[in-house]
N, C-alpha and C. Protein backbone atom coordinates (compact mmCIF):
# COMPACT_ATOMS: atom_id res chain seq x y z
N MET A 1 -17.40 6.14 -14.09
CA MET A 1 -17.17 5.41 -12.84
C MET A 1 -16.81 3.97 -13.17
N ASN A 2 -15.75 3.48 -12.55
CA ASN A 2 -15.26 2.14 -12.84
C ASN A 2 -14.82 1.51 -11.52
N ASP A 3 -15.68 0.69 -10.93
CA ASP A 3 -15.41 0.07 -9.63
C ASP A 3 -14.92 -1.35 -9.85
N GLN A 4 -13.75 -1.67 -9.30
CA GLN A 4 -13.19 -3.00 -9.48
C GLN A 4 -12.74 -3.56 -8.13
N THR A 5 -12.95 -4.87 -7.98
CA THR A 5 -12.42 -5.55 -6.80
C THR A 5 -11.08 -6.17 -7.15
N PHE A 6 -10.28 -6.44 -6.13
CA PHE A 6 -8.98 -7.05 -6.39
C PHE A 6 -8.61 -8.00 -5.26
N SER A 7 -7.69 -8.89 -5.58
CA SER A 7 -7.12 -9.83 -4.61
C SER A 7 -5.64 -9.95 -4.92
N LEU A 8 -4.79 -9.75 -3.92
CA LEU A 8 -3.36 -9.80 -4.12
C LEU A 8 -2.80 -11.19 -3.83
N GLN A 9 -1.74 -11.52 -4.54
CA GLN A 9 -1.09 -12.83 -4.38
C GLN A 9 0.35 -12.61 -3.92
N PRO A 10 0.84 -13.46 -3.02
CA PRO A 10 2.24 -13.31 -2.61
C PRO A 10 3.18 -13.80 -3.70
N PHE A 11 4.35 -13.17 -3.77
CA PHE A 11 5.35 -13.67 -4.70
C PHE A 11 5.73 -15.08 -4.27
N PRO A 12 5.83 -16.02 -5.22
CA PRO A 12 6.15 -17.40 -4.85
C PRO A 12 7.40 -17.46 -3.98
N SER A 13 7.25 -18.14 -2.85
CA SER A 13 8.32 -18.18 -1.86
C SER A 13 8.30 -19.52 -1.15
N THR A 14 9.45 -19.91 -0.62
CA THR A 14 9.50 -21.16 0.13
C THR A 14 9.09 -20.94 1.58
N LYS A 15 8.94 -19.67 1.96
CA LYS A 15 8.55 -19.38 3.34
C LYS A 15 7.11 -19.82 3.59
N SER A 16 6.88 -20.39 4.77
CA SER A 16 5.52 -20.75 5.17
C SER A 16 4.80 -19.48 5.60
N LEU A 17 3.84 -19.03 4.79
CA LEU A 17 3.14 -17.77 5.08
C LEU A 17 2.03 -17.99 6.09
N PRO A 18 1.77 -16.99 6.92
CA PRO A 18 0.60 -17.09 7.78
C PRO A 18 -0.67 -17.07 6.93
N ASN A 19 -1.77 -17.43 7.52
CA ASN A 19 -3.03 -17.50 6.80
C ASN A 19 -3.56 -16.09 6.55
N LEU A 20 -3.03 -15.46 5.50
CA LEU A 20 -3.37 -14.07 5.21
C LEU A 20 -4.10 -13.96 3.88
N LYS A 21 -4.92 -12.92 3.80
CA LYS A 21 -5.59 -12.58 2.55
C LYS A 21 -5.58 -11.06 2.43
N ILE A 22 -5.23 -10.57 1.25
CA ILE A 22 -5.27 -9.13 0.99
C ILE A 22 -6.16 -8.91 -0.21
N ALA A 23 -7.25 -8.20 0.01
CA ALA A 23 -8.21 -7.94 -1.06
C ALA A 23 -8.75 -6.52 -0.87
N GLY A 24 -9.65 -6.13 -1.76
CA GLY A 24 -10.23 -4.80 -1.63
C GLY A 24 -10.92 -4.35 -2.89
N ASN A 25 -11.11 -3.05 -2.99
CA ASN A 25 -11.73 -2.49 -4.19
C ASN A 25 -11.13 -1.13 -4.51
N ILE A 26 -11.22 -0.77 -5.78
CA ILE A 26 -10.68 0.50 -6.26
C ILE A 26 -11.68 1.10 -7.23
N ILE A 27 -11.81 2.42 -7.20
CA ILE A 27 -12.76 3.10 -8.07
C ILE A 27 -12.22 4.49 -8.42
N ARG A 28 -12.48 4.91 -9.65
CA ARG A 28 -12.14 6.26 -10.07
C ARG A 28 -13.44 6.96 -10.44
N ILE A 29 -13.76 8.02 -9.71
CA ILE A 29 -14.95 8.81 -9.97
C ILE A 29 -14.49 10.20 -10.38
N TYR A 30 -14.78 10.58 -11.61
CA TYR A 30 -14.22 11.79 -12.20
C TYR A 30 -12.70 11.66 -12.11
N ASN A 31 -12.05 12.43 -11.28
CA ASN A 31 -10.60 12.25 -11.17
C ASN A 31 -10.19 12.01 -9.72
N GLN A 32 -11.11 11.42 -8.97
CA GLN A 32 -10.83 11.03 -7.59
C GLN A 32 -10.64 9.52 -7.58
N LEU A 33 -9.52 9.07 -7.03
CA LEU A 33 -9.23 7.64 -6.96
C LEU A 33 -9.38 7.17 -5.52
N ASP A 34 -10.28 6.22 -5.32
CA ASP A 34 -10.53 5.66 -3.98
C ASP A 34 -10.14 4.20 -3.98
N ILE A 35 -9.43 3.79 -2.93
CA ILE A 35 -9.03 2.39 -2.80
C ILE A 35 -9.15 1.96 -1.35
N CYS A 36 -9.59 0.74 -1.17
CA CYS A 36 -9.68 0.16 0.17
C CYS A 36 -8.97 -1.18 0.17
N TYR A 37 -8.01 -1.33 1.06
CA TYR A 37 -7.31 -2.60 1.25
C TYR A 37 -7.88 -3.29 2.48
N MET A 38 -8.08 -4.60 2.39
CA MET A 38 -8.51 -5.40 3.54
C MET A 38 -7.46 -6.48 3.77
N LEU A 39 -6.79 -6.39 4.91
CA LEU A 39 -5.80 -7.40 5.30
C LEU A 39 -6.46 -8.29 6.34
N LYS A 40 -6.68 -9.54 5.99
CA LYS A 40 -7.40 -10.44 6.88
C LYS A 40 -6.57 -11.67 7.20
N GLY A 41 -6.83 -12.21 8.39
CA GLY A 41 -6.12 -13.42 8.80
C GLY A 41 -5.48 -13.24 10.16
N ASP A 42 -4.54 -14.10 10.46
CA ASP A 42 -3.86 -14.10 11.74
C ASP A 42 -2.74 -13.06 11.71
N LEU A 43 -3.00 -11.88 12.27
CA LEU A 43 -2.05 -10.78 12.16
C LEU A 43 -0.95 -10.83 13.20
N LYS A 44 -1.01 -11.79 14.12
CA LYS A 44 0.01 -11.80 15.17
C LYS A 44 1.39 -12.16 14.65
N GLU A 45 1.45 -12.68 13.43
CA GLU A 45 2.75 -12.99 12.82
C GLU A 45 3.32 -11.82 12.03
N ILE A 46 2.57 -10.73 11.95
CA ILE A 46 2.99 -9.58 11.14
C ILE A 46 3.47 -8.45 12.03
N ALA A 47 4.55 -7.81 11.62
CA ALA A 47 5.03 -6.61 12.32
C ALA A 47 4.21 -5.43 11.82
N LEU A 48 3.41 -4.86 12.71
CA LEU A 48 2.54 -3.75 12.36
C LEU A 48 2.79 -2.57 13.29
N ALA A 49 2.85 -1.40 12.71
CA ALA A 49 2.88 -0.17 13.51
C ALA A 49 1.47 0.40 13.48
N TYR A 50 0.86 0.56 14.65
CA TYR A 50 -0.53 1.02 14.70
C TYR A 50 -0.61 2.54 14.72
N PRO A 51 -1.69 3.09 14.16
CA PRO A 51 -1.85 4.55 14.15
C PRO A 51 -1.97 5.11 15.55
N TYR A 52 -1.47 6.31 15.71
CA TYR A 52 -1.58 7.01 16.98
C TYR A 52 -3.05 7.26 17.30
N GLY A 53 -3.44 7.02 18.53
CA GLY A 53 -4.79 7.35 18.98
C GLY A 53 -5.77 6.21 18.90
N GLU A 54 -5.49 5.15 18.12
CA GLU A 54 -6.45 4.05 18.03
C GLU A 54 -6.38 3.17 19.26
N ALA A 55 -5.20 2.90 19.70
CA ALA A 55 -4.98 2.15 20.93
C ALA A 55 -3.54 2.39 21.32
N SER A 56 -3.31 2.54 22.58
CA SER A 56 -1.95 2.86 23.00
C SER A 56 -1.04 1.66 22.78
N TYR A 57 0.21 1.95 22.65
CA TYR A 57 1.21 0.91 22.47
C TYR A 57 1.17 -0.08 23.64
N ALA A 58 1.05 0.44 24.85
CA ALA A 58 0.99 -0.42 26.03
C ALA A 58 -0.24 -1.33 26.00
N GLN A 59 -1.39 -0.78 25.59
CA GLN A 59 -2.61 -1.60 25.50
C GLN A 59 -2.42 -2.74 24.52
N ARG A 60 -1.80 -2.43 23.39
CA ARG A 60 -1.58 -3.47 22.39
C ARG A 60 -0.70 -4.59 22.94
N LEU A 61 0.32 -4.20 23.69
CA LEU A 61 1.23 -5.21 24.24
C LEU A 61 0.50 -6.09 25.26
N VAL A 62 -0.42 -5.50 26.01
CA VAL A 62 -1.17 -6.29 26.99
C VAL A 62 -2.17 -7.20 26.30
N GLU A 63 -2.88 -6.65 25.29
CA GLU A 63 -3.92 -7.42 24.62
C GLU A 63 -3.34 -8.56 23.77
N LYS A 64 -2.27 -8.27 23.07
CA LYS A 64 -1.66 -9.26 22.18
C LYS A 64 -0.14 -9.18 22.32
N PRO A 65 0.39 -9.73 23.40
CA PRO A 65 1.82 -9.56 23.66
C PRO A 65 2.73 -10.19 22.63
N THR A 66 2.20 -11.10 21.80
CA THR A 66 3.06 -11.73 20.80
C THR A 66 3.06 -10.99 19.47
N VAL A 67 2.25 -9.96 19.36
CA VAL A 67 2.18 -9.23 18.09
C VAL A 67 3.42 -8.38 17.92
N GLY A 68 4.03 -8.44 16.76
CA GLY A 68 5.19 -7.60 16.47
C GLY A 68 4.71 -6.22 16.07
N ILE A 69 4.81 -5.27 16.99
CA ILE A 69 4.34 -3.92 16.69
C ILE A 69 5.39 -2.91 17.10
N ALA A 70 5.39 -1.80 16.42
CA ALA A 70 6.30 -0.72 16.73
C ALA A 70 5.55 0.35 17.50
N PRO A 71 6.24 1.10 18.34
CA PRO A 71 5.57 2.20 19.04
C PRO A 71 5.00 3.17 18.02
N PRO A 72 3.79 3.69 18.27
CA PRO A 72 3.18 4.60 17.30
C PRO A 72 3.83 5.97 17.33
N SER A 73 3.68 6.67 16.25
CA SER A 73 4.12 8.05 16.18
C SER A 73 2.89 8.94 16.39
N ASN A 74 3.08 10.11 16.99
CA ASN A 74 1.94 10.99 17.19
C ASN A 74 1.77 11.97 16.04
N THR A 75 2.56 11.81 14.98
CA THR A 75 2.39 12.65 13.80
C THR A 75 2.33 11.78 12.56
N ARG A 76 1.39 12.12 11.68
CA ARG A 76 1.30 11.43 10.39
C ARG A 76 2.09 12.27 9.41
N SER A 77 3.22 11.78 9.01
CA SER A 77 4.13 12.60 8.22
C SER A 77 4.66 11.84 7.02
N ARG A 78 5.28 12.59 6.15
CA ARG A 78 5.93 12.02 4.98
C ARG A 78 7.23 11.36 5.44
N LYS A 79 7.42 10.11 5.03
CA LYS A 79 8.63 9.39 5.42
C LYS A 79 9.13 8.58 4.23
N HIS A 80 10.44 8.40 4.21
CA HIS A 80 11.07 7.61 3.15
C HIS A 80 11.18 6.15 3.55
N GLU A 81 11.32 5.30 2.54
CA GLU A 81 11.61 3.88 2.71
C GLU A 81 10.58 3.14 3.57
N LEU A 82 9.33 3.51 3.40
CA LEU A 82 8.26 2.83 4.13
C LEU A 82 8.15 1.37 3.72
N TRP A 83 8.62 1.04 2.52
CA TRP A 83 8.56 -0.34 2.01
C TRP A 83 9.46 -1.30 2.78
N GLU A 84 10.27 -0.78 3.70
CA GLU A 84 11.11 -1.67 4.50
C GLU A 84 10.31 -2.33 5.63
N ASP A 85 9.09 -1.85 5.84
CA ASP A 85 8.18 -2.43 6.83
C ASP A 85 6.86 -2.73 6.14
N THR A 86 5.88 -3.21 6.90
CA THR A 86 4.56 -3.46 6.32
C THR A 86 4.03 -2.16 5.72
N CYS A 87 3.66 -2.22 4.44
CA CYS A 87 3.32 -1.00 3.71
C CYS A 87 2.35 -1.34 2.58
N PHE A 88 1.28 -0.57 2.47
CA PHE A 88 0.34 -0.71 1.36
C PHE A 88 0.78 0.25 0.26
N GLU A 89 0.77 -0.24 -0.98
CA GLU A 89 1.31 0.56 -2.07
C GLU A 89 0.37 0.60 -3.27
N LEU A 90 0.55 1.66 -4.04
CA LEU A 90 -0.26 1.86 -5.24
C LEU A 90 0.65 2.52 -6.29
N PHE A 91 0.66 1.96 -7.49
CA PHE A 91 1.42 2.52 -8.60
C PHE A 91 0.44 3.00 -9.66
N VAL A 92 0.60 4.24 -10.09
CA VAL A 92 -0.31 4.84 -11.06
C VAL A 92 0.49 5.34 -12.25
N GLY A 93 0.17 4.83 -13.44
CA GLY A 93 0.83 5.27 -14.65
C GLY A 93 -0.17 5.82 -15.64
N ILE A 94 0.27 6.75 -16.46
CA ILE A 94 -0.57 7.27 -17.53
C ILE A 94 -0.47 6.32 -18.72
N LYS A 95 -1.61 5.95 -19.26
CA LYS A 95 -1.62 5.03 -20.40
C LYS A 95 -0.81 5.61 -21.56
N ASP A 96 -0.01 4.76 -22.19
CA ASP A 96 0.83 5.13 -23.32
C ASP A 96 1.91 6.14 -22.95
N SER A 97 2.27 6.15 -21.67
CA SER A 97 3.37 7.00 -21.19
C SER A 97 4.22 6.17 -20.24
N ALA A 98 5.53 6.41 -20.23
CA ALA A 98 6.43 5.67 -19.33
C ALA A 98 6.39 6.22 -17.92
N GLN A 99 5.85 7.43 -17.75
CA GLN A 99 5.83 8.08 -16.44
C GLN A 99 4.85 7.39 -15.49
N TYR A 100 5.24 7.32 -14.21
CA TYR A 100 4.33 6.75 -13.21
C TYR A 100 4.66 7.27 -11.82
N TRP A 101 3.75 7.00 -10.87
CA TRP A 101 3.88 7.43 -9.49
C TRP A 101 3.75 6.23 -8.56
N GLU A 102 4.48 6.28 -7.46
CA GLU A 102 4.41 5.25 -6.42
C GLU A 102 3.90 5.89 -5.14
N PHE A 103 2.79 5.35 -4.61
CA PHE A 103 2.22 5.81 -3.34
C PHE A 103 2.52 4.76 -2.27
N ASN A 104 3.08 5.20 -1.14
CA ASN A 104 3.37 4.32 -0.01
C ASN A 104 2.54 4.75 1.19
N LEU A 105 1.84 3.79 1.82
CA LEU A 105 0.96 4.07 2.95
C LEU A 105 1.27 3.10 4.08
N SER A 106 1.71 3.63 5.21
CA SER A 106 2.03 2.80 6.36
C SER A 106 0.82 2.68 7.28
N PRO A 107 0.59 1.52 7.89
CA PRO A 107 -0.50 1.40 8.87
C PRO A 107 -0.34 2.39 10.03
N ALA A 108 0.87 2.90 10.25
CA ALA A 108 1.09 3.88 11.31
C ALA A 108 0.64 5.28 10.90
N GLY A 109 0.28 5.45 9.63
CA GLY A 109 -0.19 6.75 9.17
C GLY A 109 0.82 7.51 8.34
N HIS A 110 2.05 7.04 8.26
CA HIS A 110 3.05 7.72 7.45
C HIS A 110 2.82 7.43 5.97
N TRP A 111 3.36 8.29 5.12
CA TRP A 111 3.08 8.17 3.70
C TRP A 111 4.21 8.79 2.87
N ASN A 112 4.20 8.49 1.59
CA ASN A 112 5.05 9.21 0.64
C ASN A 112 4.55 8.94 -0.78
N VAL A 113 4.93 9.81 -1.70
CA VAL A 113 4.62 9.66 -3.12
C VAL A 113 5.88 10.00 -3.90
N TYR A 114 6.23 9.12 -4.85
CA TYR A 114 7.39 9.34 -5.71
C TYR A 114 6.96 9.35 -7.17
N ARG A 115 7.66 10.16 -7.96
CA ARG A 115 7.42 10.23 -9.40
C ARG A 115 8.61 9.63 -10.12
N PHE A 116 8.33 8.83 -11.16
CA PHE A 116 9.37 8.22 -11.98
C PHE A 116 9.16 8.62 -13.44
N ASP A 117 10.27 8.89 -14.13
CA ASP A 117 10.18 9.23 -15.56
C ASP A 117 9.92 7.99 -16.40
N SER A 118 10.48 6.87 -15.98
CA SER A 118 10.30 5.58 -16.65
C SER A 118 10.71 4.50 -15.65
N TYR A 119 10.81 3.26 -16.08
CA TYR A 119 11.06 2.15 -15.17
C TYR A 119 12.26 2.41 -14.26
N ARG A 120 11.94 2.68 -12.98
CA ARG A 120 12.94 2.92 -11.92
C ARG A 120 13.92 4.05 -12.24
N GLN A 121 13.55 4.94 -13.14
CA GLN A 121 14.42 6.04 -13.54
C GLN A 121 13.84 7.38 -13.12
N GLY A 122 14.73 8.29 -12.72
CA GLY A 122 14.33 9.66 -12.39
C GLY A 122 13.46 9.77 -11.15
N MET A 123 13.67 8.92 -10.17
CA MET A 123 12.84 8.92 -8.96
C MET A 123 12.97 10.24 -8.21
N GLN A 124 11.82 10.87 -7.97
CA GLN A 124 11.77 12.12 -7.20
C GLN A 124 10.56 12.10 -6.28
N GLU A 125 10.69 12.74 -5.15
CA GLU A 125 9.52 12.91 -4.29
C GLU A 125 8.53 13.80 -5.03
N GLU A 126 7.26 13.38 -5.07
CA GLU A 126 6.23 14.16 -5.77
C GLU A 126 5.74 15.27 -4.84
N THR A 127 6.14 16.51 -5.16
CA THR A 127 5.82 17.64 -4.30
C THR A 127 4.41 18.19 -4.51
N ALA A 128 3.68 17.67 -5.50
CA ALA A 128 2.29 18.10 -5.70
C ALA A 128 1.43 17.74 -4.50
N PHE A 129 1.88 16.74 -3.73
CA PHE A 129 1.14 16.32 -2.54
C PHE A 129 1.88 16.79 -1.30
N THR A 130 1.19 17.55 -0.47
CA THR A 130 1.77 17.99 0.80
C THR A 130 1.12 17.28 1.98
N ILE A 131 0.00 16.62 1.72
CA ILE A 131 -0.69 15.83 2.72
C ILE A 131 -1.40 14.70 1.99
N LEU A 132 -1.49 13.55 2.64
CA LEU A 132 -2.12 12.40 1.99
C LEU A 132 -2.93 11.65 3.05
N PRO A 133 -4.13 12.15 3.35
CA PRO A 133 -4.92 11.53 4.41
C PRO A 133 -5.49 10.18 4.01
N PHE A 134 -5.46 9.25 4.97
CA PHE A 134 -6.09 7.95 4.78
C PHE A 134 -6.46 7.40 6.14
N ASN A 135 -7.36 6.43 6.16
CA ASN A 135 -7.85 5.88 7.42
C ASN A 135 -7.44 4.43 7.57
N VAL A 136 -7.07 4.07 8.79
CA VAL A 136 -6.74 2.69 9.13
C VAL A 136 -7.67 2.25 10.25
N GLN A 137 -8.33 1.12 10.06
CA GLN A 137 -9.23 0.60 11.09
C GLN A 137 -8.83 -0.82 11.45
N ASN A 138 -8.67 -1.05 12.75
CA ASN A 138 -8.43 -2.41 13.23
C ASN A 138 -9.77 -3.10 13.39
N GLN A 139 -9.90 -4.28 12.82
CA GLN A 139 -11.14 -5.03 12.89
C GLN A 139 -10.89 -6.36 13.57
N ALA A 140 -11.96 -7.04 13.92
CA ALA A 140 -11.84 -8.29 14.66
C ALA A 140 -11.01 -9.32 13.90
N ASP A 141 -11.14 -9.32 12.58
CA ASP A 141 -10.44 -10.34 11.79
C ASP A 141 -9.36 -9.76 10.89
N GLY A 142 -8.93 -8.53 11.18
CA GLY A 142 -7.88 -7.98 10.36
C GLY A 142 -7.77 -6.47 10.45
N LEU A 143 -7.38 -5.88 9.33
CA LEU A 143 -7.13 -4.45 9.28
C LEU A 143 -7.61 -3.91 7.94
N ALA A 144 -8.18 -2.72 7.96
CA ALA A 144 -8.65 -2.08 6.73
C ALA A 144 -7.95 -0.73 6.57
N LEU A 145 -7.53 -0.44 5.35
CA LEU A 145 -6.94 0.86 5.05
C LEU A 145 -7.69 1.46 3.88
N ALA A 146 -8.26 2.64 4.07
CA ALA A 146 -9.02 3.32 3.02
C ALA A 146 -8.32 4.62 2.66
N PHE A 147 -8.20 4.85 1.36
CA PHE A 147 -7.39 5.96 0.87
C PHE A 147 -8.07 6.56 -0.34
N ASP A 148 -8.13 7.89 -0.40
CA ASP A 148 -8.60 8.53 -1.62
C ASP A 148 -7.66 9.67 -1.97
N VAL A 149 -7.45 9.83 -3.26
CA VAL A 149 -6.48 10.82 -3.72
C VAL A 149 -7.06 11.60 -4.90
N ASP A 150 -6.80 12.89 -4.91
CA ASP A 150 -7.22 13.76 -5.99
C ASP A 150 -6.16 13.68 -7.09
N LEU A 151 -6.49 12.98 -8.17
CA LEU A 151 -5.53 12.80 -9.26
C LEU A 151 -5.28 14.07 -10.07
N ASN A 152 -6.13 15.08 -9.89
CA ASN A 152 -5.94 16.33 -10.63
C ASN A 152 -4.57 16.94 -10.39
N LYS A 153 -3.94 16.59 -9.28
CA LYS A 153 -2.61 17.12 -8.97
C LYS A 153 -1.54 16.58 -9.91
N ILE A 154 -1.82 15.42 -10.53
CA ILE A 154 -0.79 14.78 -11.36
C ILE A 154 -1.28 14.32 -12.73
N VAL A 155 -2.61 14.09 -12.87
CA VAL A 155 -3.16 13.50 -14.09
C VAL A 155 -4.39 14.27 -14.52
N SER A 156 -4.54 14.48 -15.82
CA SER A 156 -5.75 15.13 -16.34
C SER A 156 -6.93 14.17 -16.27
N PRO A 157 -8.15 14.68 -16.04
CA PRO A 157 -9.32 13.81 -15.98
C PRO A 157 -9.57 13.01 -17.26
N VAL A 158 -9.05 13.49 -18.39
CA VAL A 158 -9.29 12.79 -19.65
C VAL A 158 -8.24 11.71 -19.92
N GLN A 159 -7.20 11.67 -19.12
CA GLN A 159 -6.15 10.67 -19.33
C GLN A 159 -6.53 9.34 -18.68
N GLU A 160 -6.36 8.27 -19.42
CA GLU A 160 -6.58 6.95 -18.84
C GLU A 160 -5.36 6.56 -18.02
N ILE A 161 -5.61 5.85 -16.94
CA ILE A 161 -4.50 5.43 -16.09
C ILE A 161 -4.46 3.90 -15.98
N GLU A 162 -3.26 3.42 -15.70
CA GLU A 162 -3.03 2.00 -15.45
C GLU A 162 -2.45 1.89 -14.05
N VAL A 163 -2.99 0.93 -13.27
CA VAL A 163 -2.68 0.87 -11.84
C VAL A 163 -2.15 -0.51 -11.46
N ALA A 164 -1.15 -0.51 -10.59
CA ALA A 164 -0.69 -1.73 -9.93
C ALA A 164 -0.98 -1.58 -8.44
N ILE A 165 -1.58 -2.58 -7.84
CA ILE A 165 -1.92 -2.56 -6.41
C ILE A 165 -1.03 -3.58 -5.73
N THR A 166 -0.30 -3.15 -4.71
CA THR A 166 0.70 -4.01 -4.09
C THR A 166 0.74 -3.80 -2.58
N THR A 167 1.38 -4.72 -1.89
CA THR A 167 1.56 -4.61 -0.44
C THR A 167 2.84 -5.33 -0.05
N VAL A 168 3.56 -4.71 0.86
CA VAL A 168 4.74 -5.35 1.47
C VAL A 168 4.33 -5.79 2.87
N ILE A 169 4.56 -7.05 3.19
CA ILE A 169 4.25 -7.57 4.52
C ILE A 169 5.55 -7.97 5.21
N LYS A 170 5.82 -7.34 6.34
CA LYS A 170 7.00 -7.70 7.12
C LYS A 170 6.57 -8.61 8.27
N HIS A 171 7.20 -9.75 8.36
CA HIS A 171 6.87 -10.72 9.40
C HIS A 171 7.65 -10.44 10.67
N ARG A 172 7.18 -10.96 11.77
CA ARG A 172 7.83 -10.72 13.06
C ARG A 172 9.27 -11.18 13.07
N ASP A 173 9.59 -12.20 12.28
CA ASP A 173 10.97 -12.69 12.24
C ASP A 173 11.87 -11.85 11.33
N GLY A 174 11.30 -10.79 10.75
CA GLY A 174 12.07 -9.88 9.92
C GLY A 174 12.00 -10.17 8.44
N GLU A 175 11.48 -11.33 8.06
CA GLU A 175 11.37 -11.65 6.64
C GLU A 175 10.24 -10.83 6.01
N VAL A 176 10.43 -10.51 4.76
CA VAL A 176 9.47 -9.68 4.03
C VAL A 176 8.88 -10.47 2.88
N THR A 177 7.56 -10.37 2.70
CA THR A 177 6.91 -10.97 1.54
C THR A 177 6.24 -9.86 0.72
N TYR A 178 6.13 -10.12 -0.58
CA TYR A 178 5.66 -9.11 -1.53
C TYR A 178 4.38 -9.60 -2.21
N TRP A 179 3.32 -8.79 -2.12
CA TRP A 179 2.01 -9.14 -2.63
C TRP A 179 1.62 -8.19 -3.76
N ALA A 180 1.04 -8.75 -4.82
CA ALA A 180 0.63 -7.93 -5.96
C ALA A 180 -0.50 -8.61 -6.71
N LEU A 181 -1.11 -7.86 -7.61
CA LEU A 181 -2.15 -8.43 -8.47
C LEU A 181 -1.57 -9.53 -9.34
N THR A 182 -0.35 -9.31 -9.81
CA THR A 182 0.34 -10.28 -10.66
C THR A 182 1.84 -10.07 -10.48
N HIS A 183 2.59 -11.14 -10.66
CA HIS A 183 4.05 -11.06 -10.58
C HIS A 183 4.60 -11.46 -11.95
N ARG A 184 5.19 -10.51 -12.65
CA ARG A 184 5.62 -10.75 -14.02
C ARG A 184 7.13 -10.96 -14.16
N GLY A 185 7.87 -10.80 -13.08
CA GLY A 185 9.32 -10.93 -13.16
C GLY A 185 9.84 -12.17 -12.43
N ALA A 186 11.13 -12.46 -12.65
CA ALA A 186 11.77 -13.59 -11.97
C ALA A 186 11.95 -13.30 -10.49
N GLU A 187 11.98 -12.01 -10.14
CA GLU A 187 12.02 -11.57 -8.75
C GLU A 187 10.84 -10.64 -8.51
N ALA A 188 10.50 -10.46 -7.26
CA ALA A 188 9.41 -9.54 -6.93
C ALA A 188 9.80 -8.13 -7.37
N ASP A 189 9.01 -7.52 -8.22
CA ASP A 189 9.32 -6.19 -8.75
C ASP A 189 8.02 -5.47 -9.08
N PHE A 190 7.61 -4.58 -8.19
CA PHE A 190 6.35 -3.87 -8.36
C PHE A 190 6.40 -2.84 -9.48
N HIS A 191 7.60 -2.48 -9.96
CA HIS A 191 7.74 -1.40 -10.94
C HIS A 191 7.56 -1.86 -12.38
N LEU A 192 7.50 -3.14 -12.61
CA LEU A 192 7.35 -3.63 -13.98
C LEU A 192 6.03 -3.13 -14.56
N ARG A 193 6.10 -2.43 -15.68
CA ARG A 193 4.91 -1.76 -16.19
C ARG A 193 3.83 -2.75 -16.65
N ASP A 194 4.22 -3.95 -17.07
CA ASP A 194 3.19 -4.89 -17.50
C ASP A 194 2.43 -5.51 -16.33
N SER A 195 2.78 -5.08 -15.09
CA SER A 195 1.99 -5.51 -13.93
C SER A 195 0.98 -4.44 -13.52
N PHE A 196 0.93 -3.32 -14.26
CA PHE A 196 -0.06 -2.27 -14.02
C PHE A 196 -1.33 -2.69 -14.78
N ILE A 197 -2.07 -3.62 -14.23
CA ILE A 197 -3.12 -4.28 -15.02
C ILE A 197 -4.53 -3.75 -14.78
N VAL A 198 -4.71 -2.85 -13.82
CA VAL A 198 -6.03 -2.26 -13.61
C VAL A 198 -6.11 -0.99 -14.45
N GLU A 199 -7.10 -0.92 -15.33
CA GLU A 199 -7.27 0.26 -16.18
C GLU A 199 -8.47 1.06 -15.69
N LEU A 200 -8.25 2.35 -15.49
CA LEU A 200 -9.33 3.22 -14.97
C LEU A 200 -9.36 4.53 -15.75
């Protein structure tokens, strides 16, 4: 068991960011990987799609009419290009191997997993996962997303993994900021293997 806390940093930008903080914890127990993201701060500047059933779209508009939100979907499904909106992400690589996986989790409940042979090469949808349940909770001072995944579908329990924890934040004005444990490139790039700095 290896429980670690984390705090994400935005890629250096000239944009004036809202008062946001993204932190959480990650743990691997046997071959189950659990992660919790906590997005805290003034969320009214962020474009968020809320999960179906937590609060109706109309209620949200009445309660916080300035919040940039999308109408919710009534199905939690696999979707492509979730990174074009606010999206919590996780990259998992096998130690001493170029292969890795990208997990995308939308606050609306949509998800996807991609497999790569090496840096941005051989991208394929990972069919080992047909469902990827996770929970999103709206809190007084932010939003929490909790996710657990059975790594046995892709990784042996004896294999060490290296993880990058990232988040894409889309602002109401359409600008996007990129958050990660570390930024190792001249541009924001979550796929750089030397940014997979959590070892589990």
